[in-house]
Amino acid sequence: MKPALIFIISTFAQLFLFVMLLRFWLPFLRADFRNPIAQGILRITSPLIVPVRRIIPPIGRLDTATVVIAFALQYLTILVILSISGISATIVPIALTALVDLLLLTLQLFKFAIFIYVILSWVAAGAYNPASAFIAMIVQPVLRPFRKLIPQIGMLDLSALLAIIALHATGIFVATLRPLPI
């Protein structure tokens, strides 16, 4: 029963944290906030972010309220999982694990976005809808440096493959920094 409960809690926490991380990255990626998906992300996360933003203002494009809320949610998730597992830990290892997990979720977010972008380029090349525009808006800044390294070969763009490999390798390295094995 414990593993199933831990799976459910961590899955729902990760899904919500994906949305929170998207909200964090939208200003850095110069997102079009008129996109319905971007508006939905803002609508979902605003009940938590807006009250905290009154206390903790943003610093330039850095949405500090989103960072604080995402960290707090990840910290609480780890705390709940540890208590269900019967494991005790001090504040610092939990906090470091929360930071590492947020970095890993960010890397996963970009890997998923690139993967969806590639699939959409095969299935619906050139078609426009808000979802494909949103995915492209997230992926283009990540792929840009890789496209400088590997130019497009005819119709074949290997920059996405190189980006996924780099993100995955970075994730492997970052995962070694996690102090708690949960």
N, C-alpha and C. Protein backbone atom coordinates (compact mmCIF):
# COMPACT_ATOMS: atom_id res chain seq x y z
N MET A 1 0.82 -1.20 0.00
CA MET A 1 0.00 0.00 0.00
C MET A 1 0.86 1.27 0.00
N LYS A 2 1.97 1.26 0.74
CA LYS A 2 2.83 2.44 0.82
C LYS A 2 3.40 2.83 -0.54
N PRO A 3 3.94 1.88 -1.32
CA PRO A 3 4.49 2.29 -2.62
C PRO A 3 3.44 2.92 -3.55
N ALA A 4 2.23 2.40 -3.52
CA ALA A 4 1.17 2.97 -4.37
C ALA A 4 0.82 4.38 -3.91
N LEU A 5 0.73 4.59 -2.61
CA LEU A 5 0.42 5.91 -2.08
C LEU A 5 1.53 6.91 -2.40
N ILE A 6 2.78 6.47 -2.25
CA ILE A 6 3.92 7.33 -2.59
C ILE A 6 3.90 7.67 -4.08
N PHE A 7 3.59 6.69 -4.92
CA PHE A 7 3.51 6.94 -6.36
C PHE A 7 2.44 7.97 -6.68
N ILE A 8 1.27 7.83 -6.09
CA ILE A 8 0.17 8.77 -6.36
C ILE A 8 0.54 10.18 -5.90
N ILE A 9 1.07 10.30 -4.70
CA ILE A 9 1.44 11.62 -4.18
C ILE A 9 2.52 12.26 -5.05
N SER A 10 3.57 11.50 -5.37
CA SER A 10 4.66 12.08 -6.15
C SER A 10 4.21 12.41 -7.57
N THR A 11 3.33 11.60 -8.15
CA THR A 11 2.86 11.87 -9.51
C THR A 11 2.05 13.16 -9.57
N PHE A 12 1.10 13.31 -8.65
CA PHE A 12 0.30 14.53 -8.67
C PHE A 12 1.14 15.76 -8.34
N ALA A 13 2.09 15.59 -7.43
CA ALA A 13 2.97 16.72 -7.10
C ALA A 13 3.82 17.10 -8.31
N GLN A 14 4.36 16.11 -9.02
CA GLN A 14 5.17 16.40 -10.19
C GLN A 14 4.36 17.05 -11.30
N LEU A 15 3.13 16.61 -11.50
CA LEU A 15 2.30 17.23 -12.54
C LEU A 15 2.04 18.70 -12.22
N PHE A 16 1.72 18.98 -10.96
CA PHE A 16 1.48 20.38 -10.60
C PHE A 16 2.77 21.18 -10.66
N LEU A 17 3.88 20.57 -10.26
CA LEU A 17 5.16 21.27 -10.33
C LEU A 17 5.59 21.52 -11.77
N PHE A 18 5.22 20.63 -12.70
CA PHE A 18 5.48 20.90 -14.11
C PHE A 18 4.80 22.20 -14.52
N VAL A 19 3.56 22.38 -14.09
CA VAL A 19 2.82 23.60 -14.42
C VAL A 19 3.48 24.81 -13.76
N MET A 20 3.91 24.65 -12.51
CA MET A 20 4.59 25.75 -11.83
C MET A 20 5.90 26.10 -12.52
N LEU A 21 6.65 25.09 -12.95
CA LEU A 21 7.91 25.35 -13.64
C LEU A 21 7.68 25.99 -15.00
N LEU A 22 6.60 25.59 -15.67
CA LEU A 22 6.26 26.27 -16.92
C LEU A 22 6.01 27.75 -16.67
N ARG A 23 5.27 28.04 -15.60
CA ARG A 23 5.00 29.44 -15.27
C ARG A 23 6.32 30.18 -15.00
N PHE A 24 7.24 29.52 -14.32
CA PHE A 24 8.53 30.14 -14.04
C PHE A 24 9.29 30.44 -15.33
N TRP A 25 9.30 29.50 -16.28
CA TRP A 25 10.11 29.65 -17.49
C TRP A 25 9.47 30.54 -18.55
N LEU A 26 8.18 30.77 -18.51
CA LEU A 26 7.52 31.55 -19.56
C LEU A 26 8.15 32.93 -19.78
N PRO A 27 8.43 33.71 -18.74
CA PRO A 27 9.06 35.02 -19.01
C PRO A 27 10.47 34.91 -19.60
N PHE A 28 11.23 33.91 -19.17
CA PHE A 28 12.59 33.73 -19.70
C PHE A 28 12.58 33.30 -21.16
N LEU A 29 11.55 32.57 -21.55
CA LEU A 29 11.44 32.09 -22.92
C LEU A 29 10.72 33.10 -23.81
N ARG A 30 10.40 34.25 -23.25
CA ARG A 30 9.67 35.31 -23.96
C ARG A 30 8.39 34.76 -24.58
N ALA A 31 7.61 34.13 -23.72
CA ALA A 31 6.38 33.47 -24.15
C ALA A 31 5.32 34.48 -24.55
N ASP A 32 4.47 34.04 -25.44
CA ASP A 32 3.31 34.82 -25.84
C ASP A 32 2.21 34.53 -24.82
N PHE A 33 1.95 35.48 -23.94
CA PHE A 33 0.97 35.26 -22.88
C PHE A 33 -0.47 35.35 -23.39
N ARG A 34 -0.63 35.61 -24.69
CA ARG A 34 -1.98 35.57 -25.28
C ARG A 34 -2.34 34.15 -25.70
N ASN A 35 -1.37 33.26 -25.71
CA ASN A 35 -1.63 31.86 -26.05
C ASN A 35 -2.56 31.27 -25.00
N PRO A 36 -3.61 30.55 -25.42
CA PRO A 36 -4.56 29.98 -24.45
C PRO A 36 -3.91 29.04 -23.44
N ILE A 37 -2.88 28.33 -23.83
CA ILE A 37 -2.22 27.42 -22.88
C ILE A 37 -1.45 28.22 -21.84
N ALA A 38 -0.77 29.27 -22.26
CA ALA A 38 -0.07 30.13 -21.31
C ALA A 38 -1.06 30.78 -20.36
N GLN A 39 -2.20 31.20 -20.88
CA GLN A 39 -3.23 31.78 -20.02
C GLN A 39 -3.77 30.75 -19.04
N GLY A 40 -3.92 29.51 -19.48
CA GLY A 40 -4.38 28.45 -18.59
C GLY A 40 -3.38 28.19 -17.48
N ILE A 41 -2.10 28.20 -17.81
CA ILE A 41 -1.06 28.00 -16.80
C ILE A 41 -1.12 29.12 -15.77
N LEU A 42 -1.28 30.34 -16.24
CA LEU A 42 -1.39 31.47 -15.31
C LEU A 42 -2.63 31.34 -14.44
N ARG A 43 -3.73 30.93 -15.03
CA ARG A 43 -4.99 30.79 -14.30
C ARG A 43 -4.89 29.70 -13.23
N ILE A 44 -4.23 28.59 -13.55
CA ILE A 44 -4.12 27.48 -12.60
C ILE A 44 -3.21 27.85 -11.43
N THR A 45 -2.13 28.54 -11.70
CA THR A 45 -1.14 28.81 -10.67
C THR A 45 -1.35 30.12 -9.91
N SER A 46 -2.15 31.01 -10.44
CA SER A 46 -2.32 32.32 -9.80
C SER A 46 -2.87 32.27 -8.38
N PRO A 47 -3.81 31.36 -8.04
CA PRO A 47 -4.27 31.36 -6.64
C PRO A 47 -3.17 31.15 -5.61
N LEU A 48 -2.11 30.46 -5.98
CA LEU A 48 -0.99 30.29 -5.06
C LEU A 48 0.05 31.40 -5.20
N ILE A 49 0.27 31.84 -6.42
CA ILE A 49 1.37 32.78 -6.69
C ILE A 49 1.03 34.22 -6.30
N VAL A 50 -0.16 34.68 -6.63
CA VAL A 50 -0.50 36.10 -6.43
C VAL A 50 -0.41 36.51 -4.96
N PRO A 51 -0.94 35.73 -4.00
CA PRO A 51 -0.77 36.17 -2.59
C PRO A 51 0.69 36.22 -2.15
N VAL A 52 1.50 35.28 -2.61
CA VAL A 52 2.91 35.27 -2.23
C VAL A 52 3.66 36.41 -2.92
N ARG A 53 3.24 36.77 -4.12
CA ARG A 53 3.90 37.86 -4.85
C ARG A 53 3.72 39.19 -4.13
N ARG A 54 2.65 39.33 -3.35
CA ARG A 54 2.46 40.56 -2.59
C ARG A 54 3.54 40.71 -1.52
N ILE A 55 4.04 39.57 -1.04
CA ILE A 55 5.07 39.58 0.00
C ILE A 55 6.47 39.54 -0.63
N ILE A 56 6.63 38.70 -1.67
CA ILE A 56 7.93 38.52 -2.32
C ILE A 56 7.82 38.99 -3.77
N PRO A 57 8.24 40.21 -4.07
CA PRO A 57 8.11 40.72 -5.44
C PRO A 57 9.12 40.06 -6.39
N PRO A 58 8.82 40.06 -7.68
CA PRO A 58 9.77 39.50 -8.64
C PRO A 58 11.02 40.36 -8.75
N ILE A 59 12.10 39.72 -9.17
CA ILE A 59 13.35 40.43 -9.41
C ILE A 59 13.60 40.35 -10.91
N GLY A 60 13.28 41.42 -11.62
CA GLY A 60 13.37 41.42 -13.08
C GLY A 60 12.42 40.37 -13.65
N ARG A 61 12.96 39.47 -14.47
CA ARG A 61 12.14 38.39 -15.02
C ARG A 61 12.03 37.20 -14.07
N LEU A 62 12.83 37.21 -13.00
CA LEU A 62 12.82 36.10 -12.05
C LEU A 62 11.59 36.20 -11.16
N ASP A 63 10.68 35.29 -11.35
CA ASP A 63 9.45 35.25 -10.56
C ASP A 63 9.75 34.53 -9.25
N THR A 64 10.17 35.30 -8.25
CA THR A 64 10.59 34.72 -6.99
C THR A 64 9.45 34.03 -6.25
N ALA A 65 8.24 34.53 -6.40
CA ALA A 65 7.09 33.88 -5.75
C ALA A 65 6.89 32.48 -6.29
N THR A 66 7.03 32.29 -7.59
CA THR A 66 6.89 30.97 -8.19
C THR A 66 7.99 30.04 -7.70
N VAL A 67 9.20 30.55 -7.58
CA VAL A 67 10.32 29.74 -7.09
C VAL A 67 10.04 29.30 -5.65
N VAL A 68 9.58 30.22 -4.82
CA VAL A 68 9.32 29.90 -3.41
C VAL A 68 8.20 28.86 -3.30
N ILE A 69 7.12 29.06 -4.06
CA ILE A 69 6.00 28.11 -4.00
C ILE A 69 6.43 26.74 -4.52
N ALA A 70 7.14 26.70 -5.64
CA ALA A 70 7.58 25.42 -6.20
C ALA A 70 8.50 24.70 -5.21
N PHE A 71 9.42 25.44 -4.61
CA PHE A 71 10.32 24.83 -3.63
C PHE A 71 9.53 24.31 -2.43
N ALA A 72 8.60 25.11 -1.95
CA ALA A 72 7.79 24.69 -0.79
C ALA A 72 6.97 23.44 -1.11
N LEU A 73 6.38 23.39 -2.30
CA LEU A 73 5.60 22.21 -2.68
C LEU A 73 6.49 20.97 -2.80
N GLN A 74 7.67 21.12 -3.39
CA GLN A 74 8.58 19.99 -3.51
C GLN A 74 9.07 19.56 -2.13
N TYR A 75 9.37 20.51 -1.27
CA TYR A 75 9.81 20.21 0.09
C TYR A 75 8.73 19.44 0.84
N LEU A 76 7.48 19.92 0.76
CA LEU A 76 6.37 19.24 1.43
C LEU A 76 6.14 17.84 0.87
N THR A 77 6.27 17.70 -0.44
CA THR A 77 6.11 16.38 -1.05
C THR A 77 7.15 15.41 -0.51
N ILE A 78 8.39 15.85 -0.43
CA ILE A 78 9.46 14.99 0.09
C ILE A 78 9.19 14.67 1.56
N LEU A 79 8.74 15.65 2.31
CA LEU A 79 8.45 15.44 3.72
C LEU A 79 7.34 14.40 3.90
N VAL A 80 6.29 14.48 3.09
CA VAL A 80 5.19 13.52 3.17
C VAL A 80 5.67 12.12 2.78
N ILE A 81 6.46 12.04 1.72
CA ILE A 81 6.97 10.73 1.27
C ILE A 81 7.89 10.13 2.34
N LEU A 82 8.72 10.95 2.96
CA LEU A 82 9.59 10.45 4.02
C LEU A 82 8.78 9.95 5.22
N SER A 83 7.73 10.69 5.57
CA SER A 83 6.92 10.27 6.72
C SER A 83 6.15 8.99 6.41
N ILE A 84 5.66 8.83 5.18
CA ILE A 84 4.98 7.59 4.80
C ILE A 84 5.97 6.43 4.82
N SER A 85 7.18 6.68 4.38
CA SER A 85 8.21 5.62 4.32
C SER A 85 8.80 5.32 5.69
N GLY A 86 8.57 6.19 6.66
CA GLY A 86 9.13 5.99 7.98
C GLY A 86 10.59 6.38 8.08
N ILE A 87 11.02 7.26 7.20
CA ILE A 87 12.40 7.72 7.17
C ILE A 87 12.45 9.13 7.77
N SER A 88 13.44 9.38 8.60
CA SER A 88 13.58 10.73 9.15
C SER A 88 14.81 11.39 8.52
N ALA A 89 14.72 12.69 8.37
CA ALA A 89 15.83 13.45 7.81
C ALA A 89 15.76 14.87 8.37
N THR A 90 16.90 15.55 8.33
CA THR A 90 16.93 16.92 8.83
C THR A 90 16.54 17.89 7.71
N ILE A 91 16.46 19.13 8.05
CA ILE A 91 16.00 20.17 7.12
C ILE A 91 16.90 20.31 5.90
N VAL A 92 18.20 20.33 6.11
CA VAL A 92 19.14 20.59 5.01
C VAL A 92 19.10 19.51 3.93
N PRO A 93 19.17 18.22 4.27
CA PRO A 93 19.09 17.22 3.20
C PRO A 93 17.76 17.26 2.45
N ILE A 94 16.68 17.55 3.16
CA ILE A 94 15.38 17.64 2.48
C ILE A 94 15.38 18.83 1.54
N ALA A 95 15.93 19.97 1.99
CA ALA A 95 15.97 21.16 1.15
C ALA A 95 16.85 20.93 -0.08
N LEU A 96 18.01 20.31 0.11
CA LEU A 96 18.88 20.03 -1.04
C LEU A 96 18.24 19.05 -2.01
N THR A 97 17.55 18.05 -1.47
CA THR A 97 16.84 17.10 -2.33
C THR A 97 15.73 17.81 -3.10
N ALA A 98 15.05 18.73 -2.45
CA ALA A 98 14.00 19.49 -3.13
C ALA A 98 14.57 20.31 -4.28
N LEU A 99 15.70 20.97 -4.05
CA LEU A 99 16.35 21.75 -5.12
C LEU A 99 16.77 20.86 -6.28
N VAL A 100 17.39 19.73 -5.97
CA VAL A 100 17.84 18.81 -7.01
C VAL A 100 16.63 18.28 -7.78
N ASP A 101 15.57 17.93 -7.07
CA ASP A 101 14.37 17.41 -7.74
C ASP A 101 13.73 18.46 -8.64
N LEU A 102 13.75 19.72 -8.23
CA LEU A 102 13.22 20.78 -9.10
C LEU A 102 14.07 20.94 -10.35
N LEU A 103 15.39 20.83 -10.21
CA LEU A 103 16.26 20.88 -11.39
C LEU A 103 15.98 19.69 -12.31
N LEU A 104 15.80 18.51 -11.73
CA LEU A 104 15.50 17.32 -12.54
C LEU A 104 14.16 17.46 -13.24
N LEU A 105 13.17 18.01 -12.54
CA LEU A 105 11.87 18.23 -13.18
C LEU A 105 11.97 19.23 -14.32
N THR A 106 12.79 20.25 -14.15
CA THR A 106 12.99 21.23 -15.22
C THR A 106 13.61 20.57 -16.44
N LEU A 107 14.63 19.73 -16.22
CA LEU A 107 15.26 19.02 -17.33
C LEU A 107 14.27 18.08 -18.01
N GLN A 108 13.44 17.38 -17.22
CA GLN A 108 12.42 16.51 -17.79
C GLN A 108 11.39 17.30 -18.58
N LEU A 109 11.03 18.45 -18.08
CA LEU A 109 10.07 19.31 -18.77
C LEU A 109 10.57 19.65 -20.17
N PHE A 110 11.82 20.05 -20.27
CA PHE A 110 12.37 20.40 -21.58
C PHE A 110 12.53 19.17 -22.47
N LYS A 111 12.91 18.03 -21.88
CA LYS A 111 13.01 16.81 -22.69
C LYS A 111 11.64 16.41 -23.25
N PHE A 112 10.60 16.46 -22.40
CA PHE A 112 9.25 16.13 -22.87
C PHE A 112 8.81 17.10 -23.95
N ALA A 113 9.08 18.38 -23.75
CA ALA A 113 8.67 19.39 -24.73
C ALA A 113 9.36 19.15 -26.07
N ILE A 114 10.65 18.83 -26.04
CA ILE A 114 11.37 18.57 -27.30
C ILE A 114 10.82 17.32 -27.97
N PHE A 115 10.56 16.29 -27.17
CA PHE A 115 10.01 15.04 -27.72
C PHE A 115 8.65 15.30 -28.39
N ILE A 116 7.78 16.04 -27.73
CA ILE A 116 6.47 16.37 -28.31
C ILE A 116 6.64 17.22 -29.56
N TYR A 117 7.58 18.15 -29.52
CA TYR A 117 7.85 19.01 -30.67
C TYR A 117 8.27 18.19 -31.88
N VAL A 118 9.14 17.20 -31.66
CA VAL A 118 9.59 16.34 -32.75
C VAL A 118 8.43 15.52 -33.30
N ILE A 119 7.64 14.95 -32.42
CA ILE A 119 6.48 14.15 -32.86
C ILE A 119 5.51 15.02 -33.66
N LEU A 120 5.24 16.23 -33.17
CA LEU A 120 4.35 17.13 -33.90
C LEU A 120 4.92 17.51 -35.26
N SER A 121 6.24 17.63 -35.35
CA SER A 121 6.84 17.98 -36.65
C SER A 121 6.69 16.83 -37.65
N TRP A 122 6.58 15.61 -37.17
CA TRP A 122 6.37 14.46 -38.06
C TRP A 122 4.90 14.34 -38.44
N VAL A 123 4.02 14.53 -37.47
CA VAL A 123 2.59 14.28 -37.67
C VAL A 123 1.89 15.46 -38.31
N ALA A 124 2.12 16.63 -37.78
CA ALA A 124 1.39 17.82 -38.24
C ALA A 124 2.36 18.93 -38.61
N ALA A 125 3.24 18.65 -39.54
CA ALA A 125 4.23 19.64 -39.95
C ALA A 125 3.55 20.84 -40.58
N GLY A 126 3.87 22.01 -40.07
CA GLY A 126 3.33 23.24 -40.63
C GLY A 126 1.93 23.60 -40.15
N ALA A 127 1.27 22.72 -39.43
CA ALA A 127 -0.08 23.02 -38.93
C ALA A 127 0.03 23.93 -37.72
N TYR A 128 -0.93 24.83 -37.59
CA TYR A 128 -0.90 25.74 -36.45
C TYR A 128 -2.06 25.42 -35.52
N ASN A 129 -1.76 25.33 -34.27
CA ASN A 129 -2.76 25.32 -33.20
C ASN A 129 -2.07 25.86 -31.95
N PRO A 130 -2.82 26.28 -30.95
CA PRO A 130 -2.18 26.87 -29.77
C PRO A 130 -1.20 25.94 -29.07
N ALA A 131 -1.48 24.64 -29.06
CA ALA A 131 -0.58 23.70 -28.38
C ALA A 131 0.76 23.60 -29.09
N SER A 132 0.74 23.48 -30.42
CA SER A 132 2.00 23.37 -31.15
C SER A 132 2.78 24.69 -31.08
N ALA A 133 2.07 25.81 -31.08
CA ALA A 133 2.75 27.11 -30.94
C ALA A 133 3.38 27.24 -29.56
N PHE A 134 2.70 26.76 -28.54
CA PHE A 134 3.22 26.82 -27.18
C PHE A 134 4.46 25.94 -27.04
N ILE A 135 4.39 24.72 -27.57
CA ILE A 135 5.54 23.80 -27.50
C ILE A 135 6.74 24.41 -28.25
N ALA A 136 6.48 24.95 -29.43
CA ALA A 136 7.57 25.56 -30.20
C ALA A 136 8.18 26.74 -29.45
N MET A 137 7.34 27.50 -28.77
CA MET A 137 7.80 28.65 -28.00
C MET A 137 8.73 28.20 -26.87
N ILE A 138 8.47 27.04 -26.28
CA ILE A 138 9.31 26.51 -25.20
C ILE A 138 10.61 25.93 -25.76
N VAL A 139 10.50 25.23 -26.90
CA VAL A 139 11.61 24.44 -27.42
C VAL A 139 12.62 25.26 -28.22
N GLN A 140 12.17 26.23 -28.97
CA GLN A 140 13.07 26.97 -29.87
C GLN A 140 14.29 27.57 -29.16
N PRO A 141 14.13 28.24 -28.00
CA PRO A 141 15.33 28.77 -27.33
C PRO A 141 16.30 27.69 -26.86
N VAL A 142 15.78 26.51 -26.55
CA VAL A 142 16.65 25.41 -26.11
C VAL A 142 17.39 24.82 -27.30
N LEU A 143 16.72 24.70 -28.43
CA LEU A 143 17.33 24.08 -29.60
C LEU A 143 18.28 25.02 -30.35
N ARG A 144 18.11 26.32 -30.18
CA ARG A 144 18.92 27.30 -30.93
C ARG A 144 20.43 27.06 -30.82
N PRO A 145 20.99 26.87 -29.62
CA PRO A 145 22.45 26.63 -29.56
C PRO A 145 22.88 25.32 -30.23
N PHE A 146 22.01 24.31 -30.17
CA PHE A 146 22.35 23.03 -30.79
C PHE A 146 22.26 23.11 -32.31
N ARG A 147 21.39 23.98 -32.82
CA ARG A 147 21.29 24.17 -34.26
C ARG A 147 22.52 24.88 -34.81
N LYS A 148 23.19 25.64 -33.97
CA LYS A 148 24.44 26.27 -34.40
C LYS A 148 25.55 25.23 -34.50
N LEU A 149 25.50 24.23 -33.63
CA LEU A 149 26.51 23.16 -33.66
C LEU A 149 26.29 22.19 -34.81
N ILE A 150 25.03 21.79 -35.00
CA ILE A 150 24.70 20.82 -36.04
C ILE A 150 23.66 21.46 -36.97
N PRO A 151 24.07 21.89 -38.15
CA PRO A 151 23.09 22.48 -39.07
C PRO A 151 22.15 21.41 -39.62
N GLN A 152 21.02 21.85 -40.09
CA GLN A 152 20.03 20.94 -40.65
C GLN A 152 20.58 20.28 -41.91
N ILE A 153 20.38 18.97 -42.01
CA ILE A 153 20.85 18.19 -43.15
C ILE A 153 19.63 17.84 -44.00
N GLY A 154 19.39 18.64 -45.02
CA GLY A 154 18.19 18.43 -45.83
C GLY A 154 16.95 18.64 -44.99
N MET A 155 16.12 17.61 -44.88
CA MET A 155 14.91 17.68 -44.06
C MET A 155 15.15 17.15 -42.64
N LEU A 156 16.35 16.72 -42.36
CA LEU A 156 16.67 16.10 -41.09
C LEU A 156 17.33 17.11 -40.15
N ASP A 157 16.70 17.31 -38.99
CA ASP A 157 17.21 18.23 -37.98
C ASP A 157 17.63 17.40 -36.76
N LEU A 158 18.92 17.24 -36.56
CA LEU A 158 19.43 16.43 -35.47
C LEU A 158 19.64 17.23 -34.18
N SER A 159 19.33 18.51 -34.20
CA SER A 159 19.54 19.33 -33.01
C SER A 159 18.68 18.86 -31.84
N ALA A 160 17.48 18.38 -32.12
CA ALA A 160 16.61 17.90 -31.05
C ALA A 160 17.21 16.67 -30.38
N LEU A 161 17.77 15.78 -31.17
CA LEU A 161 18.40 14.58 -30.61
C LEU A 161 19.58 14.96 -29.73
N LEU A 162 20.41 15.87 -30.21
CA LEU A 162 21.56 16.31 -29.43
C LEU A 162 21.11 17.01 -28.14
N ALA A 163 20.05 17.80 -28.23
CA ALA A 163 19.54 18.50 -27.05
C ALA A 163 19.01 17.50 -26.01
N ILE A 164 18.28 16.50 -26.46
CA ILE A 164 17.75 15.49 -25.53
C ILE A 164 18.89 14.72 -24.87
N ILE A 165 19.92 14.38 -25.65
CA ILE A 165 21.08 13.68 -25.08
C ILE A 165 21.76 14.56 -24.04
N ALA A 166 21.95 15.82 -24.34
CA ALA A 166 22.60 16.74 -23.40
C ALA A 166 21.77 16.93 -22.14
N LEU A 167 20.45 17.09 -22.30
CA LEU A 167 19.58 17.26 -21.14
C LEU A 167 19.57 16.00 -20.28
N HIS A 168 19.56 14.84 -20.92
CA HIS A 168 19.55 13.58 -20.17
C HIS A 168 20.88 13.39 -19.43
N ALA A 169 21.98 13.67 -20.08
CA ALA A 169 23.29 13.55 -19.42
C ALA A 169 23.39 14.52 -18.23
N THR A 170 22.88 15.72 -18.41
CA THR A 170 22.87 16.69 -17.31
C THR A 170 22.01 16.17 -16.17
N GLY A 171 20.87 15.55 -16.50
CA GLY A 171 20.00 14.98 -15.48
C GLY A 171 20.67 13.87 -14.70
N ILE A 172 21.44 13.05 -15.39
CA ILE A 172 22.17 11.97 -14.70
C ILE A 172 23.16 12.56 -13.71
N PHE A 173 23.87 13.60 -14.14
CA PHE A 173 24.82 14.25 -13.24
C PHE A 173 24.11 14.90 -12.05
N VAL A 174 23.03 15.64 -12.32
CA VAL A 174 22.30 16.32 -11.25
C VAL A 174 21.70 15.32 -10.26
N ALA A 175 21.26 14.17 -10.74
CA ALA A 175 20.67 13.15 -9.86
C ALA A 175 21.68 12.63 -8.85
N THR A 176 22.96 12.65 -9.21
CA THR A 176 23.98 12.19 -8.26
C THR A 176 24.15 13.15 -7.09
N LEU A 177 23.65 14.37 -7.23
CA LEU A 177 23.76 15.37 -6.18
C LEU A 177 22.65 15.26 -5.13
N ARG A 178 21.69 14.39 -5.36
CA ARG A 178 20.54 14.24 -4.45
C ARG A 178 20.99 13.56 -3.17
N PRO A 179 20.86 14.23 -2.02
CA PRO A 179 21.32 13.63 -0.76
C PRO A 179 20.42 12.51 -0.22
N LEU A 180 19.11 12.59 -0.49
CA LEU A 180 18.19 11.57 0.01
C LEU A 180 17.78 10.63 -1.11
N PRO A 181 17.82 9.34 -0.87
CA PRO A 181 17.47 8.37 -1.93
C PRO A 181 15.97 8.09 -1.99
N ILE A 182 15.19 9.09 -2.33
CA ILE A 182 13.74 8.84 -2.47
C ILE A 182 13.31 9.06 -3.90
